[in-house]
Amino acid sequence: METLAKVTDEVAPGVLMMTMHFGDAAANKLTNTALDPLSKMPELKHCAVKVEKITGVQ
């Protein structure tokens, strides 16, 4: 998945946020299918990402 990022001071350094409440966004396709061993809830709130700076995009 590719998307544009907006850098802001509203999110802590080292943290990336993405909406996940819209079906067409498909953000949950990026998450791990593992379940938490205690709650059995899926790990939908975090995943590893790679962020690259590109030039020429406003």
Foldseek 3Di string as FASTA:
>chain_A
DDDDDDDDPVDDPPDDDDDDPDPVVPLQVQADQDADPPPRHGPRPDHDDDDDDDPDDD
